[in-house]
Amino acid sequence: MANGDLPLPPLSAGQGVPMGLGVDRSGPVPTKTAEDLEQVFDVPVTVAAVLGSHKMPIGDMLKLQPGAVLELDRRVGEAIDILVNDRLVARGEVVIVEDKLGVTMTEIIKADR
């Protein structure tokens, strides 16, 4: 022991170990299910599928007429970005399902924290 360190009292049987110290983690890991996330099911999120983008001055944008074509920064067939609350979470492809446009995820993006 270094100077100023206090000795810890011994733990008796049945006493918990504080803050997870000494916890045996060699047993099976419990399986997570959708029910474990039930408390967040009603949290609203904004999902956006970004096909591409184009920058232009506001003056040019105000001159656009119905039927105008904007050239985007992506080509046909390139992966699109899928954003949740303005954060990139996946990439995917546009699909047509029963005459409606949809998006299928092809790659999940791991968040760097």
PDB file of N, CA and C in Angstrom:
ATOM      1  N   MET A   1       0.826  -1.189   0.000  1.00  0.00           N
ATOM      2  CA  MET A   1       0.000   0.000   0.000  1.00  0.00           C
ATOM      3  C   MET A   1       0.868   1.249   0.000  1.00  0.00           C
ATOM      4  N   ALA A   2       0.408   2.222  -0.765  1.00  0.00           N
ATOM      5  CA  ALA A   2       1.120   3.497  -0.797  1.00  0.00           C
ATOM      6  C   ALA A   2       0.706   4.325   0.402  1.00  0.00           C
ATOM      7  N   ASN A   3       1.538   5.291   0.758  1.00  0.00           N
ATOM      8  CA  ASN A   3       1.207   6.162   1.889  1.00  0.00           C
ATOM      9  C   ASN A   3      -0.117   6.859   1.651  1.00  0.00           C
ATOM     10  N   GLY A   4      -0.977   6.861   2.647  1.00  0.00           N
ATOM     11  CA  GLY A   4      -2.262   7.528   2.551  1.00  0.00           C
ATOM     12  C   GLY A   4      -3.386   6.620   2.078  1.00  0.00           C
ATOM     13  N   ASP A   5      -3.063   5.392   1.574  1.00  0.00           N
ATOM     14  CA  ASP A   5      -4.122   4.476   1.151  1.00  0.00           C
ATOM     15  C   ASP A   5      -4.739   3.824   2.369  1.00  0.00           C
ATOM     16  N   LEU A   6      -6.060   3.708   2.336  1.00  0.00           N
ATOM     17  CA  LEU A   6      -6.762   3.045   3.425  1.00  0.00           C
ATOM     18  C   LEU A   6      -7.014   1.595   3.071  1.00  0.00           C
ATOM     19  N   PRO A   7      -6.839   0.673   4.017  1.00  0.00           N
ATOM     20  CA  PRO A   7      -7.129  -0.728   3.718  1.00  0.00           C
ATOM     21  C   PRO A   7      -8.632  -0.917   3.572  1.00  0.00           C
ATOM     22  N   LEU A   8      -9.048  -1.777   2.637  1.00  0.00           N
ATOM     23  CA  LEU A   8     -10.464  -2.070   2.434  1.00  0.00           C
ATOM     24  C   LEU A   8     -10.880  -3.201   3.359  1.00  0.00           C
ATOM     25  N   PRO A   9     -12.082  -3.099   3.933  1.00  0.00           N
ATOM     26  CA  PRO A   9     -12.547  -4.183   4.796  1.00  0.00           C
ATOM     27  C   PRO A   9     -12.831  -5.422   3.956  1.00  0.00           C
ATOM     28  N   PRO A  10     -12.621  -6.615   4.515  1.00  0.00           N
ATOM     29  CA  PRO A  10     -12.909  -7.840   3.763  1.00  0.00           C
ATOM     30  C   PRO A  10     -14.425  -7.986   3.580  1.00  0.00           C
ATOM     31  N   LEU A  11     -14.829  -8.554   2.435  1.00  0.00           N
ATOM     32  CA  LEU A  11     -16.245  -8.789   2.162  1.00  0.00           C
ATOM     33  C   LEU A  11     -16.648 -10.130   2.727  1.00  0.00           C
ATOM     34  N   SER A  12     -17.798 -10.148   3.352  1.00  0.00           N
ATOM     35  CA  SER A  12     -18.309 -11.419   3.851  1.00  0.00           C
ATOM     36  C   SER A  12     -19.223 -12.028   2.807  1.00  0.00           C
ATOM     37  N   ALA A  13     -19.526 -13.324   2.968  1.00  0.00           N
ATOM     38  CA  ALA A  13     -20.392 -14.021   2.024  1.00  0.00           C
ATOM     39  C   ALA A  13     -21.730 -13.305   1.946  1.00  0.00           C
ATOM     40  N   GLY A  14     -22.249 -13.139   0.719  1.00  0.00           N
ATOM     41  CA  GLY A  14     -23.535 -12.495   0.530  1.00  0.00           C
ATOM     42  C   GLY A  14     -23.448 -10.994   0.338  1.00  0.00           C
ATOM     43  N   GLN A  15     -22.293 -10.411   0.599  1.00  0.00           N
ATOM     44  CA  GLN A  15     -22.128  -8.982   0.397  1.00  0.00           C
ATOM     45  C   GLN A  15     -21.834  -8.721  -1.072  1.00  0.00           C
ATOM     46  N   GLY A  16     -22.445  -7.694  -1.628  1.00  0.00           N
ATOM     47  CA  GLY A  16     -22.219  -7.367  -3.037  1.00  0.00           C
ATOM     48  C   GLY A  16     -20.861  -6.751  -3.253  1.00  0.00           C
ATOM     49  N   VAL A  17     -20.386  -6.858  -4.450  1.00  0.00           N
ATOM     50  CA  VAL A  17     -19.118  -6.243  -4.812  1.00  0.00           C
ATOM     51  C   VAL A  17     -19.441  -4.917  -5.475  1.00  0.00           C
ATOM     52  N   PRO A  18     -18.915  -3.795  -4.960  1.00  0.00           N
ATOM     53  CA  PRO A  18     -19.287  -2.490  -5.493  1.00  0.00           C
ATOM     54  C   PRO A  18     -18.855  -2.282  -6.938  1.00  0.00           C
ATOM     55  N   MET A  19     -19.720  -1.614  -7.708  1.00  0.00           N
ATOM     56  CA  MET A  19     -19.441  -1.155  -9.065  1.00  0.00           C
ATOM     57  C   MET A  19     -18.965  -2.255  -9.998  1.00  0.00           C
ATOM     58  N   GLY A  20     -19.450  -3.475  -9.839  1.00  0.00           N
ATOM     59  CA  GLY A  20     -19.145  -4.541 -10.782  1.00  0.00           C
ATOM     60  C   GLY A  20     -17.740  -5.079 -10.693  1.00  0.00           C
ATOM     61  N   LEU A  21     -16.965  -4.714  -9.679  1.00  0.00           N
ATOM     62  CA  LEU A  21     -15.608  -5.229  -9.554  1.00  0.00           C
ATOM     63  C   LEU A  21     -15.663  -6.696  -9.168  1.00  0.00           C
ATOM     64  N   GLY A  22     -14.871  -7.500  -9.801  1.00  0.00           N
ATOM     65  CA  GLY A  22     -14.804  -8.908  -9.457  1.00  0.00           C
ATOM     66  C   GLY A  22     -15.991  -9.718  -9.942  1.00  0.00           C
ATOM     67  N   VAL A  23     -16.817  -9.176 -10.826  1.00  0.00           N
ATOM     68  CA  VAL A  23     -17.984  -9.898 -11.326  1.00  0.00           C
ATOM     69  C   VAL A  23     -17.512 -10.971 -12.291  1.00  0.00           C
ATOM     70  N   ASP A  24     -18.055 -12.167 -12.128  1.00  0.00           N
ATOM     71  CA  ASP A  24     -17.712 -13.284 -13.007  1.00  0.00           C
ATOM     72  C   ASP A  24     -18.462 -13.121 -14.325  1.00  0.00           C
ATOM     73  N   ARG A  25     -17.746 -12.865 -15.407  1.00  0.00           N
ATOM     74  CA  ARG A  25     -18.372 -12.679 -16.715  1.00  0.00           C
ATOM     75  C   ARG A  25     -18.153 -13.889 -17.619  1.00  0.00           C
ATOM     76  N   SER A  26     -17.787 -15.012 -17.057  1.00  0.00           N
ATOM     77  CA  SER A  26     -17.508 -16.185 -17.881  1.00  0.00           C
ATOM     78  C   SER A  26     -18.765 -16.963 -18.226  1.00  0.00           C
ATOM     79  N   GLY A  27     -19.902 -16.634 -17.610  1.00  0.00           N
ATOM     80  CA  GLY A  27     -21.154 -17.340 -17.889  1.00  0.00           C
ATOM     81  C   GLY A  27     -21.766 -16.895 -19.201  1.00  0.00           C
ATOM     82  N   PRO A  28     -22.918 -17.484 -19.546  1.00  0.00           N
ATOM     83  CA  PRO A  28     -23.572 -17.123 -20.809  1.00  0.00           C
ATOM     84  C   PRO A  28     -24.075 -15.678 -20.785  1.00  0.00           C
ATOM     85  N   VAL A  29     -23.981 -15.029 -21.927  1.00  0.00           N
ATOM     86  CA  VAL A  29     -24.449 -13.650 -22.070  1.00  0.00           C
ATOM     87  C   VAL A  29     -25.937 -13.702 -22.399  1.00  0.00           C
ATOM     88  N   PRO A  30     -26.779 -12.945 -21.667  1.00  0.00           N
ATOM     89  CA  PRO A  30     -28.211 -13.001 -21.954  1.00  0.00           C
ATOM     90  C   PRO A  30     -28.513 -12.491 -23.365  1.00  0.00           C
ATOM     91  N   THR A  31     -29.453 -13.138 -24.032  1.00  0.00           N
ATOM     92  CA  THR A  31     -29.841 -12.759 -25.382  1.00  0.00           C
ATOM     93  C   THR A  31     -30.774 -11.557 -25.332  1.00  0.00           C
ATOM     94  N   LYS A  32     -30.481 -10.543 -26.151  1.00  0.00           N
ATOM     95  CA  LYS A  32     -31.328  -9.357 -26.227  1.00  0.00           C
ATOM     96  C   LYS A  32     -32.440  -9.600 -27.245  1.00  0.00           C
ATOM     97  N   THR A  33     -33.639  -9.120 -26.947  1.00  0.00           N
ATOM     98  CA  THR A  33     -34.769  -9.243 -27.861  1.00  0.00           C
ATOM     99  C   THR A  33     -35.380  -7.873 -28.092  1.00  0.00           C
ATOM    100  N   ALA A  34     -36.327  -7.799 -29.012  1.00  0.00           N
ATOM    101  CA  ALA A  34     -37.012  -6.533 -29.292  1.00  0.00           C
ATOM    102  C   ALA A  34     -37.767  -6.034 -28.063  1.00  0.00           C
ATOM    103  N   GLU A  35     -38.206  -6.947 -27.223  1.00  0.00           N
ATOM    104  CA  GLU A  35     -38.928  -6.551 -26.007  1.00  0.00           C
ATOM    105  C   GLU A  35     -38.039  -5.720 -25.080  1.00  0.00           C
ATOM    106  N   ASP A  36     -36.724  -5.925 -25.136  1.00  0.00           N
ATOM    107  CA  ASP A  36     -35.803  -5.153 -24.312  1.00  0.00           C
ATOM    108  C   ASP A  36     -35.784  -3.681 -24.714  1.00  0.00           C
ATOM    109  N   LEU A  37     -36.204  -3.379 -25.928  1.00  0.00           N
ATOM    110  CA  LEU A  37     -36.204  -2.005 -26.426  1.00  0.00           C
ATOM    111  C   LEU A  37     -37.584  -1.365 -26.371  1.00  0.00           C
ATOM    112  N   GLU A  38     -38.544  -2.035 -25.754  1.00  0.00           N
ATOM    113  CA  GLU A  38     -39.931  -1.575 -25.759  1.00  0.00           C
ATOM    114  C   GLU A  38     -40.094  -0.131 -25.298  1.00  0.00           C
ATOM    115  N   GLN A  39     -39.285   0.317 -24.364  1.00  0.00           N
ATOM    116  CA  GLN A  39     -39.429   1.671 -23.834  1.00  0.00           C
ATOM    117  C   GLN A  39     -39.058   2.752 -24.847  1.00  0.00           C
ATOM    118  N   VAL A  40     -38.370   2.414 -25.935  1.00  0.00           N
ATOM    119  CA  VAL A  40     -38.014   3.418 -26.931  1.00  0.00           C
ATOM    120  C   VAL A  40     -38.845   3.302 -28.209  1.00  0.00           C
ATOM    121  N   PHE A  41     -39.803   2.383 -28.258  1.00  0.00           N
ATOM    122  CA  PHE A  41     -40.601   2.178 -29.461  1.00  0.00           C
ATOM    123  C   PHE A  41     -41.394   3.418 -29.862  1.00  0.00           C
ATOM    124  N   ASP A  42     -41.791   4.258 -28.925  1.00  0.00           N
ATOM    125  CA  ASP A  42     -42.617   5.422 -29.229  1.00  0.00           C
ATOM    126  C   ASP A  42     -41.809   6.711 -29.402  1.00  0.00           C
ATOM    127  N   VAL A  43     -40.486   6.620 -29.404  1.00  0.00           N
ATOM    128  CA  VAL A  43     -39.650   7.816 -29.579  1.00  0.00           C
ATOM    129  C   VAL A  43     -39.646   8.172 -31.070  1.00  0.00           C
ATOM    130  N   PRO A  44     -40.105   9.383 -31.411  1.00  0.00           N
ATOM    131  CA  PRO A  44     -40.134   9.758 -32.830  1.00  0.00           C
ATOM    132  C   PRO A  44     -38.735  10.056 -33.362  1.00  0.00           C
ATOM    133  N   VAL A  45     -38.474   9.633 -34.588  1.00  0.00           N
ATOM    134  CA  VAL A  45     -37.211   9.929 -35.264  1.00  0.00           C
ATOM    135  C   VAL A  45     -37.521  10.386 -36.687  1.00  0.00           C
ATOM    136  N   THR A  46     -36.602  11.125 -37.275  1.00  0.00           N
ATOM    137  CA  THR A  46     -36.737  11.556 -38.660  1.00  0.00           C
ATOM    138  C   THR A  46     -35.799  10.716 -39.507  1.00  0.00           C
ATOM    139  N   VAL A  47     -36.350  10.051 -40.525  1.00  0.00           N
ATOM    140  CA  VAL A  47     -35.555   9.215 -41.419  1.00  0.00           C
ATOM    141  C   VAL A  47     -35.555   9.875 -42.795  1.00  0.00           C
ATOM    142  N   ALA A  48     -34.364  10.017 -43.384  1.00  0.00           N
ATOM    143  CA  ALA A  48     -34.240  10.623 -44.710  1.00  0.00           C
ATOM    144  C   ALA A  48     -33.374   9.738 -45.586  1.00  0.00           C
ATOM    145  N   ALA A  49     -33.798   9.556 -46.829  1.00  0.00           N
ATOM    146  CA  ALA A  49     -33.009   8.851 -47.833  1.00  0.00           C
ATOM    147  C   ALA A  49     -32.498   9.900 -48.807  1.00  0.00           C
ATOM    148  N   VAL A  50     -31.202  10.127 -48.817  1.00  0.00           N
ATOM    149  CA  VAL A  50     -30.602  11.196 -49.614  1.00  0.00           C
ATOM    150  C   VAL A  50     -30.119  10.614 -50.940  1.00  0.00           C
ATOM    151  N   LEU A  51     -30.777  11.025 -52.022  1.00  0.00           N
ATOM    152  CA  LEU A  51     -30.420  10.537 -53.352  1.00  0.00           C
ATOM    153  C   LEU A  51     -29.198  11.254 -53.904  1.00  0.00           C
ATOM    154  N   GLY A  52     -28.958  12.464 -53.431  1.00  0.00           N
ATOM    155  CA  GLY A  52     -27.835  13.269 -53.897  1.00  0.00           C
ATOM    156  C   GLY A  52     -28.081  14.705 -53.502  1.00  0.00           C
ATOM    157  N   SER A  53     -27.161  15.580 -53.888  1.00  0.00           N
ATOM    158  CA  SER A  53     -27.339  16.993 -53.549  1.00  0.00           C
ATOM    159  C   SER A  53     -26.795  17.858 -54.677  1.00  0.00           C
ATOM    160  N   HIS A  54     -27.154  19.145 -54.611  1.00  0.00           N
ATOM    161  CA  HIS A  54     -26.708  20.108 -55.598  1.00  0.00           C
ATOM    162  C   HIS A  54     -26.678  21.470 -54.926  1.00  0.00           C
ATOM    163  N   LYS A  55     -25.581  22.192 -55.050  1.00  0.00           N
ATOM    164  CA  LYS A  55     -25.479  23.536 -54.471  1.00  0.00           C
ATOM    165  C   LYS A  55     -25.705  24.566 -55.559  1.00  0.00           C
ATOM    166  N   MET A  56     -26.474  25.588 -55.198  1.00  0.00           N
ATOM    167  CA  MET A  56     -26.731  26.672 -56.139  1.00  0.00           C
ATOM    168  C   MET A  56     -27.095  27.931 -55.370  1.00  0.00           C
ATOM    169  N   PRO A  57     -26.857  29.080 -55.967  1.00  0.00           N
ATOM    170  CA  PRO A  57     -27.250  30.327 -55.317  1.00  0.00           C
ATOM    171  C   PRO A  57     -28.776  30.428 -55.214  1.00  0.00           C
ATOM    172  N   ILE A  58     -29.249  31.127 -54.196  1.00  0.00           N
ATOM    173  CA  ILE A  58     -30.690  31.276 -53.988  1.00  0.00           C
ATOM    174  C   ILE A  58     -31.344  31.919 -55.213  1.00  0.00           C
ATOM    175  N   GLY A  59     -30.671  32.879 -55.844  1.00  0.00           N
ATOM    176  CA  GLY A  59     -31.233  33.523 -57.029  1.00  0.00           C
ATOM    177  C   GLY A  59     -31.541  32.521 -58.132  1.00  0.00           C
ATOM    178  N   ASP A  60     -30.621  31.559 -58.354  1.00  0.00           N
ATOM    179  CA  ASP A  60     -30.844  30.523 -59.371  1.00  0.00           C
ATOM    180  C   ASP A  60     -31.988  29.594 -58.958  1.00  0.00           C
ATOM    181  N   MET A  61     -32.072  29.290 -57.677  1.00  0.00           N
ATOM    182  CA  MET A  61     -33.134  28.405 -57.197  1.00  0.00           C
ATOM    183  C   MET A  61     -34.509  29.044 -57.410  1.00  0.00           C
ATOM    184  N   LEU A  62     -34.590  30.360 -57.197  1.00  0.00           N
ATOM    185  CA  LEU A  62     -35.867  31.055 -57.372  1.00  0.00           C
ATOM    186  C   LEU A  62     -36.296  31.108 -58.838  1.00  0.00           C
ATOM    187  N   LYS A  63     -35.368  30.932 -59.761  1.00  0.00           N
ATOM    188  CA  LYS A  63     -35.683  30.942 -61.193  1.00  0.00           C
ATOM    189  C   LYS A  63     -36.156  29.580 -61.702  1.00  0.00           C
ATOM    190  N   LEU A  64     -36.069  28.543 -60.876  1.00  0.00           N
ATOM    191  CA  LEU A  64     -36.483  27.211 -61.320  1.00  0.00           C
ATOM    192  C   LEU A  64     -37.984  27.193 -61.622  1.00  0.00           C
ATOM    193  N   GLN A  65     -38.331  26.475 -62.662  1.00  0.00           N
ATOM    194  CA  GLN A  65     -39.724  26.321 -63.068  1.00  0.00           C
ATOM    195  C   GLN A  65     -40.123  24.853 -62.893  1.00  0.00           C
ATOM    196  N   PRO A  66     -41.434  24.574 -62.828  1.00  0.00           N
ATOM    197  CA  PRO A  66     -41.877  23.176 -62.792  1.00  0.00           C
ATOM    198  C   PRO A  66     -41.303  22.412 -63.986  1.00  0.00           C
ATOM    199  N   GLY A  67     -40.786  21.227 -63.735  1.00  0.00           N
ATOM    200  CA  GLY A  67     -40.192  20.407 -64.789  1.00  0.00           C
ATOM    201  C   GLY A  67     -38.696  20.607 -64.944  1.00  0.00           C
ATOM    202  N   ALA A  68     -38.122  21.556 -64.189  1.00  0.00           N
ATOM    203  CA  ALA A  68     -36.679  21.783 -64.267  1.00  0.00           C
ATOM    204  C   ALA A  68     -35.946  20.555 -63.746  1.00  0.00           C
ATOM    205  N   VAL A  69     -34.799  20.288 -64.312  1.00  0.00           N
ATOM    206  CA  VAL A  69     -33.991  19.132 -63.911  1.00  0.00           C
ATOM    207  C   VAL A  69     -32.728  19.640 -63.223  1.00  0.00           C
ATOM    208  N   LEU A  70     -32.459  19.118 -62.032  1.00  0.00           N
ATOM    209  CA  LEU A  70     -31.233  19.442 -61.309  1.00  0.00           C
ATOM    210  C   LEU A  70     -30.285  18.256 -61.400  1.00  0.00           C
ATOM    211  N   GLU A  71     -29.047  18.531 -61.731  1.00  0.00           N
ATOM    212  CA  GLU A  71     -28.051  17.473 -61.770  1.00  0.00           C
ATOM    213  C   GLU A  71     -27.535  17.263 -60.352  1.00  0.00           C
ATOM    214  N   LEU A  72     -27.626  16.030 -59.857  1.00  0.00           N
ATOM    215  CA  LEU A  72     -27.168  15.703 -58.506  1.00  0.00           C
ATOM    216  C   LEU A  72     -25.726  15.217 -58.548  1.00  0.00           C
ATOM    217  N   ASP A  73     -25.121  15.136 -57.367  1.00  0.00           N
ATOM    218  CA  ASP A  73     -23.711  14.739 -57.281  1.00  0.00           C
ATOM    219  C   ASP A  73     -23.508  13.227 -57.256  1.00  0.00           C
ATOM    220  N   ARG A  74     -24.532  12.469 -57.585  1.00  0.00           N
ATOM    221  CA  ARG A  74     -24.406  11.003 -57.623  1.00  0.00           C
ATOM    222  C   ARG A  74     -24.944  10.483 -58.945  1.00  0.00           C
ATOM    223  N   ARG A  75     -24.473   9.313 -59.312  1.00  0.00           N
ATOM    224  CA  ARG A  75     -24.912   8.683 -60.558  1.00  0.00           C
ATOM    225  C   ARG A  75     -26.015   7.665 -60.263  1.00  0.00           C
ATOM    226  N   VAL A  76     -26.755   7.328 -61.295  1.00  0.00           N
ATOM    227  CA  VAL A  76     -27.792   6.303 -61.182  1.00  0.00           C
ATOM    228  C   VAL A  76     -27.128   4.999 -60.751  1.00  0.00           C
ATOM    229  N   GLY A  77     -27.698   4.342 -59.771  1.00  0.00           N
ATOM    230  CA  GLY A  77     -27.169   3.067 -59.294  1.00  0.00           C
ATOM    231  C   GLY A  77     -26.206   3.191 -58.130  1.00  0.00           C
ATOM    232  N   GLU A  78     -25.730   4.405 -57.825  1.00  0.00           N
ATOM    233  CA  GLU A  78     -24.856   4.588 -56.665  1.00  0.00           C
ATOM    234  C   GLU A  78     -25.663   4.437 -55.387  1.00  0.00           C
ATOM    235  N   ALA A  79     -24.997   4.045 -54.323  1.00  0.00           N
ATOM    236  CA  ALA A  79     -25.659   3.897 -53.026  1.00  0.00           C
ATOM    237  C   ALA A  79     -26.156   5.255 -52.541  1.00  0.00           C
ATOM    238  N   ILE A  80     -27.299   5.246 -51.876  1.00  0.00           N
ATOM    239  CA  ILE A  80     -27.836   6.474 -51.283  1.00  0.00           C
ATOM    240  C   ILE A  80     -27.550   6.453 -49.787  1.00  0.00           C
ATOM    241  N   ASP A  81     -27.538   7.623 -49.184  1.00  0.00           N
ATOM    242  CA  ASP A  81     -27.315   7.725 -47.737  1.00  0.00           C
ATOM    243  C   ASP A  81     -28.650   7.664 -47.013  1.00  0.00           C
ATOM    244  N   ILE A  82     -28.694   6.944 -45.904  1.00  0.00           N
ATOM    245  CA  ILE A  82     -29.882   6.875 -45.063  1.00  0.00           C
ATOM    246  C   ILE A  82     -29.526   7.543 -43.741  1.00  0.00           C
ATOM    247  N   LEU A  83     -30.234   8.628 -43.443  1.00  0.00           N
ATOM    248  CA  LEU A  83     -29.966   9.418 -42.244  1.00  0.00           C
ATOM    249  C   LEU A  83     -31.108   9.244 -41.253  1.00  0.00           C
ATOM    250  N   VAL A  84     -30.765   9.128 -39.980  1.00  0.00           N
ATOM    251  CA  VAL A  84     -31.741   9.146 -38.902  1.00  0.00           C
ATOM    252  C   VAL A  84     -31.374  10.319 -38.007  1.00  0.00           C
ATOM    253  N   ASN A  85     -32.309  11.257 -37.869  1.00  0.00           N
ATOM    254  CA  ASN A  85     -32.062  12.493 -37.114  1.00  0.00           C
ATOM    255  C   ASN A  85     -30.767  13.165 -37.574  1.00  0.00           C
ATOM    256  N   ASP A  86     -30.605  13.279 -38.881  1.00  0.00           N
ATOM    257  CA  ASP A  86     -29.457  13.943 -39.518  1.00  0.00           C
ATOM    258  C   ASP A  86     -28.121  13.254 -39.270  1.00  0.00           C
ATOM    259  N   ARG A  87     -28.140  11.995 -38.872  1.00  0.00           N
ATOM    260  CA  ARG A  87     -26.898  11.237 -38.658  1.00  0.00           C
ATOM    261  C   ARG A  87     -26.888  10.057 -39.629  1.00  0.00           C
ATOM    262  N   LEU A  88     -25.778   9.904 -40.354  1.00  0.00           N
ATOM    263  CA  LEU A  88     -25.642   8.803 -41.305  1.00  0.00           C
ATOM    264  C   LEU A  88     -25.629   7.469 -40.550  1.00  0.00           C
ATOM    265  N   VAL A  89     -26.589   6.585 -40.865  1.00  0.00           N
ATOM    266  CA  VAL A  89     -26.648   5.293 -40.187  1.00  0.00           C
ATOM    267  C   VAL A  89     -26.502   4.123 -41.150  1.00  0.00           C
ATOM    268  N   ALA A  90     -26.770   4.367 -42.453  1.00  0.00           N
ATOM    269  CA  ALA A  90     -26.706   3.263 -43.407  1.00  0.00           C
ATOM    270  C   ALA A  90     -26.589   3.794 -44.824  1.00  0.00           C
ATOM    271  N   ARG A  91     -26.277   2.889 -45.734  1.00  0.00           N
ATOM    272  CA  ARG A  91     -26.334   3.173 -47.167  1.00  0.00           C
ATOM    273  C   ARG A  91     -27.272   2.140 -47.774  1.00  0.00           C
ATOM    274  N   GLY A  92     -27.876   2.493 -48.883  1.00  0.00           N
ATOM    275  CA  GLY A  92     -28.830   1.574 -49.471  1.00  0.00           C
ATOM    276  C   GLY A  92     -29.087   1.847 -50.931  1.00  0.00           C
ATOM    277  N   GLU A  93     -30.133   1.191 -51.442  1.00  0.00           N
ATOM    278  CA  GLU A  93     -30.523   1.315 -52.835  1.00  0.00           C
ATOM    279  C   GLU A  93     -32.010   1.617 -52.904  1.00  0.00           C
ATOM    280  N   VAL A  94     -32.398   2.365 -53.933  1.00  0.00           N
ATOM    281  CA  VAL A  94     -33.814   2.640 -54.166  1.00  0.00           C
ATOM    282  C   VAL A  94     -34.427   1.405 -54.827  1.00  0.00           C
ATOM    283  N   VAL A  95     -35.599   1.006 -54.342  1.00  0.00           N
ATOM    284  CA  VAL A  95     -36.324  -0.125 -54.911  1.00  0.00           C
ATOM    285  C   VAL A  95     -37.769   0.295 -55.166  1.00  0.00           C
ATOM    286  N   ILE A  96     -38.446  -0.434 -56.026  1.00  0.00           N
ATOM    287  CA  ILE A  96     -39.864  -0.204 -56.269  1.00  0.00           C
ATOM    288  C   ILE A  96     -40.613  -1.416 -55.746  1.00  0.00           C
ATOM    289  N   VAL A  97     -41.573  -1.165 -54.848  1.00  0.00           N
ATOM    290  CA  VAL A  97     -42.384  -2.223 -54.264  1.00  0.00           C
ATOM    291  C   VAL A  97     -43.845  -1.843 -54.470  1.00  0.00           C
ATOM    292  N   GLU A  98     -44.556  -2.636 -55.264  1.00  0.00           N
ATOM    293  CA  GLU A  98     -45.972  -2.391 -55.541  1.00  0.00           C
ATOM    294  C   GLU A  98     -46.210  -0.946 -55.972  1.00  0.00           C
ATOM    295  N   ASP A  99     -45.483  -0.487 -56.981  1.00  0.00           N
ATOM    296  CA  ASP A  99     -45.614   0.861 -57.555  1.00  0.00           C
ATOM    297  C   ASP A  99     -45.260   1.982 -56.587  1.00  0.00           C
ATOM    298  N   LYS A 100     -44.541   1.691 -55.514  1.00  0.00           N
ATOM    299  CA  LYS A 100     -44.090   2.727 -54.583  1.00  0.00           C
ATOM    300  C   LYS A 100     -42.581   2.645 -54.464  1.00  0.00           C
ATOM    301  N   LEU A 101     -41.964   3.821 -54.273  1.00  0.00           N
ATOM    302  CA  LEU A 101     -40.520   3.845 -54.056  1.00  0.00           C
ATOM    303  C   LEU A 101     -40.210   3.443 -52.623  1.00  0.00           C
ATOM    304  N   GLY A 102     -39.141   2.724 -52.452  1.00  0.00           N
ATOM    305  CA  GLY A 102     -38.671   2.341 -51.132  1.00  0.00           C
ATOM    306  C   GLY A 102     -37.163   2.330 -51.119  1.00  0.00           C
ATOM    307  N   VAL A 103     -36.605   2.012 -49.981  1.00  0.00           N
ATOM    308  CA  VAL A 103     -35.155   1.940 -49.828  1.00  0.00           C
ATOM    309  C   VAL A 103     -34.825   0.640 -49.121  1.00  0.00           C
ATOM    310  N   THR A 104     -33.842  -0.065 -49.633  1.00  0.00           N
ATOM    311  CA  THR A 104     -33.339  -1.248 -48.953  1.00  0.00           C
ATOM    312  C   THR A 104     -31.930  -0.935 -48.463  1.00  0.00           C
ATOM    313  N   MET A 105     -31.658  -1.283 -47.204  1.00  0.00           N
ATOM    314  CA  MET A 105     -30.335  -1.014 -46.635  1.00  0.00           C
ATOM    315  C   MET A 105     -29.360  -2.088 -47.087  1.00  0.00           C
ATOM    316  N   THR A 106     -28.218  -1.658 -47.583  1.00  0.00           N
ATOM    317  CA  THR A 106     -27.191  -2.596 -48.023  1.00  0.00           C
ATOM    318  C   THR A 106     -25.964  -2.570 -47.129  1.00  0.00           C
ATOM    319  N   GLU A 107     -25.821  -1.504 -46.330  1.00  0.00           N
ATOM    320  CA  GLU A 107     -24.653  -1.366 -45.470  1.00  0.00           C
ATOM    321  C   GLU A 107     -25.042  -0.549 -44.238  1.00  0.00           C
ATOM    322  N   ILE A 108     -24.734  -1.065 -43.054  1.00  0.00           N
ATOM    323  CA  ILE A 108     -24.955  -0.335 -41.805  1.00  0.00           C
ATOM    324  C   ILE A 108     -23.644   0.372 -41.456  1.00  0.00           C
ATOM    325  N   ILE A 109     -23.742   1.650 -41.117  1.00  0.00           N
ATOM    326  CA  ILE A 109     -22.566   2.448 -40.776  1.00  0.00           C
ATOM    327  C   ILE A 109     -22.425   2.466 -39.257  1.00  0.00           C
ATOM    328  N   LYS A 110     -21.277   1.999 -38.776  1.00  0.00           N
ATOM    329  CA  LYS A 110     -21.025   2.030 -37.332  1.00  0.00           C
ATOM    330  C   LYS A 110     -20.661   3.432 -36.902  1.00  0.00           C
ATOM    331  N   ALA A 111     -21.228   3.864 -35.795  1.00  0.00           N
ATOM    332  CA  ALA A 111     -20.933   5.198 -35.270  1.00  0.00           C
ATOM    333  C   ALA A 111     -19.611   5.179 -34.528  1.00  0.00           C
ATOM    334  N   ASP A 112     -18.755   6.147 -34.810  1.00  0.00           N
ATOM    335  CA  ASP A 112     -17.501   6.309 -34.057  1.00  0.00           C
ATOM    336  C   ASP A 112     -17.800   7.233 -32.897  1.00  0.00           C
ATOM    337  N   ARG A 113     -17.631   6.762 -31.691  1.00  0.00           N
ATOM    338  CA  ARG A 113     -17.956   7.586 -30.512  1.00  0.00           C
ATOM    339  C   ARG A 113     -16.718   7.887 -29.743  1.00  0.00           C
TER     340      ARG A 113
END
